[in-house]
Amino acid sequence: MPVPGPHPRSGPAWALLLCVIAGFPGARPTPASAQADTIVVEVVDRGTGRPLENVVVQLPEARMQAITDAEGRIRLEGLGRGSYRMILTRQGYQKEEGDFAVLRSGSVRLSLQRLDVSRDTDRGTVVGRVLARNSGEPLSAASVTLVGAGRRGETLRSETGSAGLFEFREVLPGRHALRAERLGMATREDSISVPPGAAVEVTVHLSV
């Protein structure tokens, strides 16, 4: 019988899972049904089992992203039943991604592997979405820059996909100018603060 909640597909399993999410590069999600479910995701350190705050959790096909709280948890609401690709990133940890199937509401516990302690761990992460101000629809092909935020003070650049998502990793802590622009729309610039080792989530609205 199928296990309720997130359900494994095929491939090598991640460690320390209550419900396995299997890595399967190149797999495509199957269409989700209209049934809406809620999945609670908990992310822990693979070595210590302690909850991990500031983990960026992305479901690109569902146009969802969130950042774990102090208990290492997020709630993904309104998911249709079907298969999705999940991406987990956190500064100082190895990036993980895999596919999972939603059969009903439930919970899943995932783990991340800490990187070599000799690497910089004070860098931050910035994730966000670019939306149309009037309709709230995600905007693809928007150019997003983070001025002077790179490891050597260089400007970081990203371009949104169909879900309007962007991400910057290895961001220097401090205050930076975030600029978003898209052909035919007005350029927007905001100032954001990135604490050491933290993940910051922003939403940018562009208008004609």
C-alpha atoms as a PDB file:
ATOM      1  CA  MET A   1       0.000   0.000   0.000  1.00  0.00           C
ATOM      2  CA  PRO A   2       1.261   3.512  -0.726  1.00  0.00           C
ATOM      3  CA  VAL A   3       2.512   5.529   2.237  1.00  0.00           C
ATOM      4  CA  PRO A   4       0.353   8.625   3.002  1.00  0.00           C
ATOM      5  CA  GLY A   5       1.921  12.003   2.416  1.00  0.00           C
ATOM      6  CA  PRO A   6       5.157  12.602   0.473  1.00  0.00           C
ATOM      7  CA  HIS A   7       6.045   9.357  -1.245  1.00  0.00           C
ATOM      8  CA  PRO A   8       9.356   8.157  -2.704  1.00  0.00           C
ATOM      9  CA  ARG A   9       9.962   7.665  -6.389  1.00  0.00           C
ATOM     10  CA  SER A  10      13.157   5.946  -7.503  1.00  0.00           C
ATOM     11  CA  GLY A  11      16.865   6.615  -7.113  1.00  0.00           C
ATOM     12  CA  PRO A  12      19.328   6.934  -4.192  1.00  0.00           C
ATOM     13  CA  ALA A  13      17.653   8.180  -1.009  1.00  0.00           C
ATOM     14  CA  TRP A  14      18.797  11.169   1.043  1.00  0.00           C
ATOM     15  CA  ALA A  15      19.854  10.382   4.603  1.00  0.00           C
ATOM     16  CA  LEU A  16      17.820  10.861   7.784  1.00  0.00           C
ATOM     17  CA  LEU A  17      14.404  11.068   6.153  1.00  0.00           C
ATOM     18  CA  LEU A  18      11.093  10.199   7.725  1.00  0.00           C
ATOM     19  CA  CYS A  19       9.640  10.116   4.237  1.00  0.00           C
ATOM     20  CA  VAL A  20      12.266   9.609   1.554  1.00  0.00           C
ATOM     21  CA  ILE A  21      12.817  12.130  -1.214  1.00  0.00           C
ATOM     22  CA  ALA A  22      14.884  10.409  -3.882  1.00  0.00           C
ATOM     23  CA  GLY A  23      17.431  12.158  -6.095  1.00  0.00           C
ATOM     24  CA  PHE A  24      16.692  11.468  -9.753  1.00  0.00           C
ATOM     25  CA  PRO A  25      18.452  13.936 -12.091  1.00  0.00           C
ATOM     26  CA  GLY A  26      16.543  14.782 -15.240  1.00  0.00           C
ATOM     27  CA  ALA A  27      13.186  13.506 -14.010  1.00  0.00           C
ATOM     28  CA  ARG A  28      10.114  15.515 -14.956  1.00  0.00           C
ATOM     29  CA  PRO A  29       7.163  15.961 -12.582  1.00  0.00           C
ATOM     30  CA  THR A  30       3.883  14.339 -13.466  1.00  0.00           C
ATOM     31  CA  PRO A  31       0.824  16.617 -13.613  1.00  0.00           C
ATOM     32  CA  ALA A  32      -0.694  17.375 -10.223  1.00  0.00           C
ATOM     33  CA  SER A  33      -4.372  16.911  -9.511  1.00  0.00           C
ATOM     34  CA  ALA A  34      -6.768  19.601  -8.332  1.00  0.00           C
ATOM     35  CA  GLN A  35      -6.749  18.172  -4.785  1.00  0.00           C
ATOM     36  CA  ALA A  36      -4.903  20.671  -2.529  1.00  0.00           C
ATOM     37  CA  ASP A  37      -2.733  19.339   0.291  1.00  0.00           C
ATOM     38  CA  THR A  38      -0.388  20.762   2.938  1.00  0.00           C
ATOM     39  CA  ILE A  39       3.109  19.367   3.493  1.00  0.00           C
ATOM     40  CA  VAL A  40       5.190  20.271   6.556  1.00  0.00           C
ATOM     41  CA  VAL A  41       8.915  20.090   5.761  1.00  0.00           C
ATOM     42  CA  GLU A  42      11.533  19.866   8.530  1.00  0.00           C
ATOM     43  CA  VAL A  43      15.230  20.227   7.651  1.00  0.00           C
ATOM     44  CA  VAL A  44      17.987  19.109  10.032  1.00  0.00           C
ATOM     45  CA  ASP A  45      21.777  18.937  10.125  1.00  0.00           C
ATOM     46  CA  ARG A  46      22.788  15.491   8.891  1.00  0.00           C
ATOM     47  CA  GLY A  47      25.534  15.115  11.473  1.00  0.00           C
ATOM     48  CA  THR A  48      23.831  16.453  14.610  1.00  0.00           C
ATOM     49  CA  GLY A  49      20.125  16.096  13.819  1.00  0.00           C
ATOM     50  CA  ARG A  50      19.531  19.676  14.948  1.00  0.00           C
ATOM     51  CA  PRO A  51      16.934  21.808  13.099  1.00  0.00           C
ATOM     52  CA  LEU A  52      18.327  24.127  10.436  1.00  0.00           C
ATOM     53  CA  GLU A  53      17.040  27.690  10.169  1.00  0.00           C
ATOM     54  CA  ASN A  54      17.433  29.759   6.976  1.00  0.00           C
ATOM     55  CA  VAL A  55      17.219  26.832   4.563  1.00  0.00           C
ATOM     56  CA  VAL A  56      15.779  27.971   1.233  1.00  0.00           C
ATOM     57  CA  VAL A  57      13.219  25.415  -0.004  1.00  0.00           C
ATOM     58  CA  GLN A  58      12.101  25.746  -3.631  1.00  0.00           C
ATOM     59  CA  LEU A  59       9.526  23.896  -5.717  1.00  0.00           C
ATOM     60  CA  PRO A  60      10.072  25.519  -9.136  1.00  0.00           C
ATOM     61  CA  GLU A  61       7.218  23.780 -10.962  1.00  0.00           C
ATOM     62  CA  ALA A  62       4.762  24.767  -8.200  1.00  0.00           C
ATOM     63  CA  ARG A  63       6.176  28.323  -8.147  1.00  0.00           C
ATOM     64  CA  MET A  64       6.805  27.992  -4.417  1.00  0.00           C
ATOM     65  CA  GLN A  65       9.720  28.939  -2.225  1.00  0.00           C
ATOM     66  CA  ALA A  66      10.092  29.476   1.514  1.00  0.00           C
ATOM     67  CA  ILE A  67      12.745  29.770   4.245  1.00  0.00           C
ATOM     68  CA  THR A  68      12.775  27.476   7.278  1.00  0.00           C
ATOM     69  CA  ASP A  69      12.111  28.983  10.715  1.00  0.00           C
ATOM     70  CA  ALA A  70      14.054  28.505  13.974  1.00  0.00           C
ATOM     71  CA  GLU A  71      12.634  24.980  14.254  1.00  0.00           C
ATOM     72  CA  GLY A  72      13.817  24.119  10.756  1.00  0.00           C
ATOM     73  CA  ARG A  73      10.256  23.950   9.415  1.00  0.00           C
ATOM     74  CA  ILE A  74       8.102  25.366   6.657  1.00  0.00           C
ATOM     75  CA  ARG A  75       4.545  24.677   5.496  1.00  0.00           C
ATOM     76  CA  LEU A  76       3.839  24.169   1.814  1.00  0.00           C
ATOM     77  CA  GLU A  77       0.128  24.765   1.338  1.00  0.00           C
ATOM     78  CA  GLY A  78      -2.141  24.236  -1.634  1.00  0.00           C
ATOM     79  CA  LEU A  79      -0.046  21.531  -3.314  1.00  0.00           C
ATOM     80  CA  GLY A  80      -1.870  19.445  -5.879  1.00  0.00           C
ATOM     81  CA  ARG A  81      -1.303  15.705  -5.761  1.00  0.00           C
ATOM     82  CA  GLY A  82       1.479  14.608  -8.083  1.00  0.00           C
ATOM     83  CA  SER A  83       5.277  14.744  -8.369  1.00  0.00           C
ATOM     84  CA  TYR A  84       7.484  17.779  -7.793  1.00  0.00           C
ATOM     85  CA  ARG A  85      11.182  18.685  -7.764  1.00  0.00           C
ATOM     86  CA  MET A  86      12.424  20.150  -4.478  1.00  0.00           C
ATOM     87  CA  ILE A  87      15.659  22.134  -4.082  1.00  0.00           C
ATOM     88  CA  LEU A  88      17.256  22.820  -0.676  1.00  0.00           C
ATOM     89  CA  THR A  89      20.040  25.371  -0.217  1.00  0.00           C
ATOM     90  CA  ARG A  90      21.697  26.877   2.843  1.00  0.00           C
ATOM     91  CA  GLN A  91      24.938  28.737   3.283  1.00  0.00           C
ATOM     92  CA  GLY A  92      27.653  26.392   4.568  1.00  0.00           C
ATOM     93  CA  TYR A  93      25.800  23.236   3.466  1.00  0.00           C
ATOM     94  CA  GLN A  94      25.745  21.068   0.374  1.00  0.00           C
ATOM     95  CA  LYS A  95      22.892  21.837  -2.018  1.00  0.00           C
ATOM     96  CA  GLU A  96      20.364  19.007  -2.330  1.00  0.00           C
ATOM     97  CA  GLU A  97      17.605  18.397  -4.837  1.00  0.00           C
ATOM     98  CA  GLY A  98      15.278  15.538  -5.632  1.00  0.00           C
ATOM     99  CA  ASP A  99      11.778  14.493  -6.652  1.00  0.00           C
ATOM    100  CA  PHE A 100       8.905  13.611  -4.373  1.00  0.00           C
ATOM    101  CA  ALA A 101       5.292  12.577  -4.868  1.00  0.00           C
ATOM    102  CA  VAL A 102       2.400  14.067  -2.886  1.00  0.00           C
ATOM    103  CA  LEU A 103      -0.397  11.578  -2.201  1.00  0.00           C
ATOM    104  CA  ARG A 104      -2.042  13.434   0.695  1.00  0.00           C
ATOM    105  CA  SER A 105      -1.254  15.990   3.415  1.00  0.00           C
ATOM    106  CA  GLY A 106       1.631  14.969   5.659  1.00  0.00           C
ATOM    107  CA  SER A 107       5.157  15.780   6.819  1.00  0.00           C
ATOM    108  CA  VAL A 108       8.697  15.012   5.743  1.00  0.00           C
ATOM    109  CA  ARG A 109      12.067  15.296   7.491  1.00  0.00           C
ATOM    110  CA  LEU A 110      15.129  16.074   5.358  1.00  0.00           C
ATOM    111  CA  SER A 111      18.807  16.546   6.139  1.00  0.00           C
ATOM    112  CA  LEU A 112      21.665  18.611   4.733  1.00  0.00           C
ATOM    113  CA  GLN A 113      25.385  17.840   4.867  1.00  0.00           C
ATOM    114  CA  ARG A 114      27.638  20.550   6.276  1.00  0.00           C
ATOM    115  CA  LEU A 115      30.470  21.639   3.989  1.00  0.00           C
ATOM    116  CA  ASP A 116      34.138  21.704   4.977  1.00  0.00           C
ATOM    117  CA  VAL A 117      34.472  24.028   7.985  1.00  0.00           C
ATOM    118  CA  SER A 118      37.372  25.778   6.260  1.00  0.00           C
ATOM    119  CA  ARG A 119      34.909  27.351   3.820  1.00  0.00           C
ATOM    120  CA  ASP A 120      33.325  30.744   4.476  1.00  0.00           C
ATOM    121  CA  THR A 121      30.120  30.428   6.481  1.00  0.00           C
ATOM    122  CA  ASP A 122      29.326  34.103   7.062  1.00  0.00           C
ATOM    123  CA  ARG A 123      27.992  34.568   3.516  1.00  0.00           C
ATOM    124  CA  GLY A 124      24.275  34.988   3.081  1.00  0.00           C
ATOM    125  CA  THR A 125      21.648  33.963   0.548  1.00  0.00           C
ATOM    126  CA  VAL A 126      19.045  36.131  -1.175  1.00  0.00           C
ATOM    127  CA  VAL A 127      16.030  34.566  -2.873  1.00  0.00           C
ATOM    128  CA  GLY A 128      12.970  36.189  -4.330  1.00  0.00           C
ATOM    129  CA  ARG A 129      10.339  36.571  -7.001  1.00  0.00           C
ATOM    130  CA  VAL A 130       9.624  39.228  -9.590  1.00  0.00           C
ATOM    131  CA  LEU A 131       5.905  39.863 -10.096  1.00  0.00           C
ATOM    132  CA  ALA A 132       3.772  42.170 -12.239  1.00  0.00           C
ATOM    133  CA  ARG A 133       2.405  44.877  -9.966  1.00  0.00           C
ATOM    134  CA  ASN A 134      -1.087  44.972 -11.478  1.00  0.00           C
ATOM    135  CA  SER A 135      -1.793  41.257 -11.946  1.00  0.00           C
ATOM    136  CA  GLY A 136       0.567  39.630  -9.436  1.00  0.00           C
ATOM    137  CA  GLU A 137       1.684  37.177 -12.133  1.00  0.00           C
ATOM    138  CA  PRO A 138       5.334  35.990 -12.075  1.00  0.00           C
ATOM    139  CA  LEU A 139       7.602  37.630 -14.635  1.00  0.00           C
ATOM    140  CA  SER A 140      10.136  35.603 -16.598  1.00  0.00           C
ATOM    141  CA  ALA A 141      13.214  37.056 -18.333  1.00  0.00           C
ATOM    142  CA  ALA A 142      13.626  39.770 -15.685  1.00  0.00           C
ATOM    143  CA  SER A 143      17.240  40.756 -14.975  1.00  0.00           C
ATOM    144  CA  VAL A 144      18.072  41.037 -11.264  1.00  0.00           C
ATOM    145  CA  THR A 145      21.374  42.403  -9.926  1.00  0.00           C
ATOM    146  CA  LEU A 146      22.800  42.706  -6.418  1.00  0.00           C
ATOM    147  CA  VAL A 147      25.370  45.482  -6.467  1.00  0.00           C
ATOM    148  CA  GLY A 148      28.723  44.852  -4.750  1.00  0.00           C
ATOM    149  CA  ALA A 149      27.522  41.680  -3.040  1.00  0.00           C
ATOM    150  CA  GLY A 150      29.933  39.087  -4.470  1.00  0.00           C
ATOM    151  CA  ARG A 151      32.817  37.450  -2.644  1.00  0.00           C
ATOM    152  CA  ARG A 152      35.225  40.097  -4.000  1.00  0.00           C
ATOM    153  CA  GLY A 153      32.732  42.935  -4.012  1.00  0.00           C
ATOM    154  CA  GLU A 154      31.554  42.286  -7.570  1.00  0.00           C
ATOM    155  CA  THR A 155      27.954  42.688  -8.731  1.00  0.00           C
ATOM    156  CA  LEU A 156      25.907  39.468  -8.806  1.00  0.00           C
ATOM    157  CA  ARG A 157      23.434  38.816 -11.632  1.00  0.00           C
ATOM    158  CA  SER A 158      20.476  36.495 -12.117  1.00  0.00           C
ATOM    159  CA  GLU A 159      17.594  36.108 -14.587  1.00  0.00           C
ATOM    160  CA  THR A 160      14.140  34.881 -13.650  1.00  0.00           C
ATOM    161  CA  GLY A 161      12.561  31.793 -15.192  1.00  0.00           C
ATOM    162  CA  SER A 162       8.895  31.072 -15.845  1.00  0.00           C
ATOM    163  CA  ALA A 163       8.094  31.107 -12.101  1.00  0.00           C
ATOM    164  CA  GLY A 164       9.700  34.543 -11.660  1.00  0.00           C
ATOM    165  CA  LEU A 165      12.231  33.149  -9.167  1.00  0.00           C
ATOM    166  CA  PHE A 166      15.812  34.296  -8.609  1.00  0.00           C
ATOM    167  CA  GLU A 167      18.570  33.352  -6.167  1.00  0.00           C
ATOM    168  CA  PHE A 168      21.953  34.717  -5.085  1.00  0.00           C
ATOM    169  CA  ARG A 169      24.384  32.653  -3.024  1.00  0.00           C
ATOM    170  CA  GLU A 170      27.687  33.561  -1.347  1.00  0.00           C
ATOM    171  CA  VAL A 171      26.379  37.079  -0.644  1.00  0.00           C
ATOM    172  CA  LEU A 172      28.563  39.357   1.486  1.00  0.00           C
ATOM    173  CA  PRO A 173      26.788  40.411   4.691  1.00  0.00           C
ATOM    174  CA  GLY A 174      25.682  44.028   4.795  1.00  0.00           C
ATOM    175  CA  ARG A 175      23.364  46.366   2.915  1.00  0.00           C
ATOM    176  CA  HIS A 176      23.163  46.069  -0.869  1.00  0.00           C
ATOM    177  CA  ALA A 177      21.229  47.618  -3.751  1.00  0.00           C
ATOM    178  CA  LEU A 178      18.892  45.145  -5.466  1.00  0.00           C
ATOM    179  CA  ARG A 179      17.917  46.173  -8.999  1.00  0.00           C
ATOM    180  CA  ALA A 180      15.298  44.478 -11.186  1.00  0.00           C
ATOM    181  CA  GLU A 181      14.524  45.334 -14.801  1.00  0.00           C
ATOM    182  CA  ARG A 182      12.615  43.840 -17.695  1.00  0.00           C
ATOM    183  CA  LEU A 183      12.050  44.944 -21.276  1.00  0.00           C
ATOM    184  CA  GLY A 184       9.027  47.244 -21.510  1.00  0.00           C
ATOM    185  CA  MET A 185       8.767  47.771 -17.737  1.00  0.00           C
ATOM    186  CA  ALA A 186      10.090  50.360 -15.312  1.00  0.00           C
ATOM    187  CA  THR A 187      13.323  49.488 -13.490  1.00  0.00           C
ATOM    188  CA  ARG A 188      13.020  49.108  -9.719  1.00  0.00           C
ATOM    189  CA  GLU A 189      15.802  49.443  -7.153  1.00  0.00           C
ATOM    190  CA  ASP A 190      15.582  48.615  -3.440  1.00  0.00           C
ATOM    191  CA  SER A 191      18.032  48.407  -0.572  1.00  0.00           C
ATOM    192  CA  ILE A 192      18.183  45.110   1.319  1.00  0.00           C
ATOM    193  CA  SER A 193      20.137  44.022   4.403  1.00  0.00           C
ATOM    194  CA  VAL A 194      21.793  40.584   4.529  1.00  0.00           C
ATOM    195  CA  PRO A 195      22.867  39.395   8.012  1.00  0.00           C
ATOM    196  CA  PRO A 196      25.885  37.042   8.214  1.00  0.00           C
ATOM    197  CA  GLY A 197      24.940  33.477   7.289  1.00  0.00           C
ATOM    198  CA  ALA A 198      21.259  34.342   6.859  1.00  0.00           C
ATOM    199  CA  ALA A 199      18.780  33.766   4.058  1.00  0.00           C
ATOM    200  CA  VAL A 200      16.704  36.767   2.982  1.00  0.00           C
ATOM    201  CA  GLU A 201      13.505  36.515   0.937  1.00  0.00           C
ATOM    202  CA  VAL A 202      12.265  39.447  -1.141  1.00  0.00           C
ATOM    203  CA  THR A 203       9.446  40.124  -3.586  1.00  0.00           C
ATOM    204  CA  VAL A 204       9.915  42.703  -6.337  1.00  0.00           C
ATOM    205  CA  HIS A 205       6.968  44.221  -8.198  1.00  0.00           C
ATOM    206  CA  LEU A 206       7.495  45.767 -11.631  1.00  0.00           C
ATOM    207  CA  SER A 207       5.066  48.013 -13.450  1.00  0.00           C
ATOM    208  CA  VAL A 208       4.808  49.243 -17.029  1.00  0.00           C
END
